[in-house]
């Protein structure tokens, strides 16, 4: 799993650590990420799929 986290893009890493682990709201992260809430939601969905596949290996 550590290897998968290292492979994440910057925005994915932000969502992983701040939102999923740190439980900060996505609306708060919009400013920090510099993109729209909708983009963060899409990236989150893709990130969860990516992490699920990594855990299945």
C-alpha atoms as a PDB file:
ATOM      1  CA  UNK A   1       0.000   0.000   0.000  1.00  0.00           C
ATOM      2  CA  UNK A   2       2.886   2.361   0.748  1.00  0.00           C
ATOM      3  CA  UNK A   3       4.089   1.943  -2.838  1.00  0.00           C
ATOM      4  CA  UNK A   4       0.644   2.858  -4.158  1.00  0.00           C
ATOM      5  CA  UNK A   5       0.546   6.041  -2.069  1.00  0.00           C
ATOM      6  CA  UNK A   6       3.929   7.051  -3.458  1.00  0.00           C
ATOM      7  CA  UNK A   7       2.551   6.705  -7.002  1.00  0.00           C
ATOM      8  CA  UNK A   8      -0.363   9.080  -6.360  1.00  0.00           C
ATOM      9  CA  UNK A   9      -0.612  12.444  -8.073  1.00  0.00           C
ATOM     10  CA  UNK A  10      -0.445  15.524  -5.850  1.00  0.00           C
ATOM     11  CA  UNK A  11      -4.206  16.097  -5.888  1.00  0.00           C
ATOM     12  CA  UNK A  12      -4.868  12.420  -5.120  1.00  0.00           C
ATOM     13  CA  UNK A  13      -2.413  12.565  -2.234  1.00  0.00           C
ATOM     14  CA  UNK A  14      -4.189  15.659  -0.887  1.00  0.00           C
ATOM     15  CA  UNK A  15      -7.543  13.878  -0.986  1.00  0.00           C
ATOM     16  CA  UNK A  16      -6.130  10.701   0.535  1.00  0.00           C
ATOM     17  CA  UNK A  17      -4.444  12.311   3.517  1.00  0.00           C
ATOM     18  CA  UNK A  18      -6.637  15.356   4.156  1.00  0.00           C
ATOM     19  CA  UNK A  19     -10.097  14.085   3.210  1.00  0.00           C
ATOM     20  CA  UNK A  20     -10.097  10.320   3.627  1.00  0.00           C
ATOM     21  CA  UNK A  21      -7.725  10.043   6.584  1.00  0.00           C
ATOM     22  CA  UNK A  22      -8.013  13.536   8.068  1.00  0.00           C
ATOM     23  CA  UNK A  23     -11.790  13.767   7.519  1.00  0.00           C
ATOM     24  CA  UNK A  24     -11.633  17.350   6.219  1.00  0.00           C
ATOM     25  CA  UNK A  25     -14.528  18.329   3.982  1.00  0.00           C
ATOM     26  CA  UNK A  26     -13.981  18.539   0.254  1.00  0.00           C
ATOM     27  CA  UNK A  27     -15.382  22.072   0.193  1.00  0.00           C
ATOM     28  CA  UNK A  28     -12.521  23.161   2.464  1.00  0.00           C
ATOM     29  CA  UNK A  29      -9.956  21.492   0.212  1.00  0.00           C
ATOM     30  CA  UNK A  30     -11.153  23.311  -2.928  1.00  0.00           C
ATOM     31  CA  UNK A  31      -9.012  26.364  -2.144  1.00  0.00           C
ATOM     32  CA  UNK A  32      -5.985  24.293  -1.236  1.00  0.00           C
ATOM     33  CA  UNK A  33      -6.262  22.138  -4.371  1.00  0.00           C
ATOM     34  CA  UNK A  34      -6.992  25.042  -6.685  1.00  0.00           C
ATOM     35  CA  UNK A  35      -9.766  23.273  -8.569  1.00  0.00           C
ATOM     36  CA  UNK A  36     -13.533  22.875  -8.421  1.00  0.00           C
ATOM     37  CA  UNK A  37     -15.471  20.742  -5.969  1.00  0.00           C
ATOM     38  CA  UNK A  38     -16.744  18.681  -8.886  1.00  0.00           C
ATOM     39  CA  UNK A  39     -13.175  17.905  -9.985  1.00  0.00           C
ATOM     40  CA  UNK A  40     -12.261  16.819  -6.460  1.00  0.00           C
ATOM     41  CA  UNK A  41     -15.310  14.546  -6.307  1.00  0.00           C
ATOM     42  CA  UNK A  42     -14.304  12.922  -9.609  1.00  0.00           C
ATOM     43  CA  UNK A  43     -10.693  12.498  -8.491  1.00  0.00           C
ATOM     44  CA  UNK A  44     -11.920  11.006  -5.198  1.00  0.00           C
ATOM     45  CA  UNK A  45     -14.057   8.449  -7.041  1.00  0.00           C
ATOM     46  CA  UNK A  46     -11.132   7.445  -9.263  1.00  0.00           C
ATOM     47  CA  UNK A  47      -8.791   7.333  -6.265  1.00  0.00           C
ATOM     48  CA  UNK A  48     -11.082   4.994  -4.332  1.00  0.00           C
ATOM     49  CA  UNK A  49     -11.248   2.654  -7.324  1.00  0.00           C
ATOM     50  CA  UNK A  50      -7.469   2.734  -7.665  1.00  0.00           C
ATOM     51  CA  UNK A  51      -6.964   1.960  -3.972  1.00  0.00           C
ATOM     52  CA  UNK A  52      -9.532  -0.829  -4.053  1.00  0.00           C
ATOM     53  CA  UNK A  53      -7.698  -2.478  -6.955  1.00  0.00           C
ATOM     54  CA  UNK A  54      -4.383  -2.119  -5.103  1.00  0.00           C
ATOM     55  CA  UNK A  55      -5.831  -3.867  -2.052  1.00  0.00           C
ATOM     56  CA  UNK A  56      -7.142  -6.725  -4.183  1.00  0.00           C
ATOM     57  CA  UNK A  57      -3.658  -7.551  -5.483  1.00  0.00           C
END
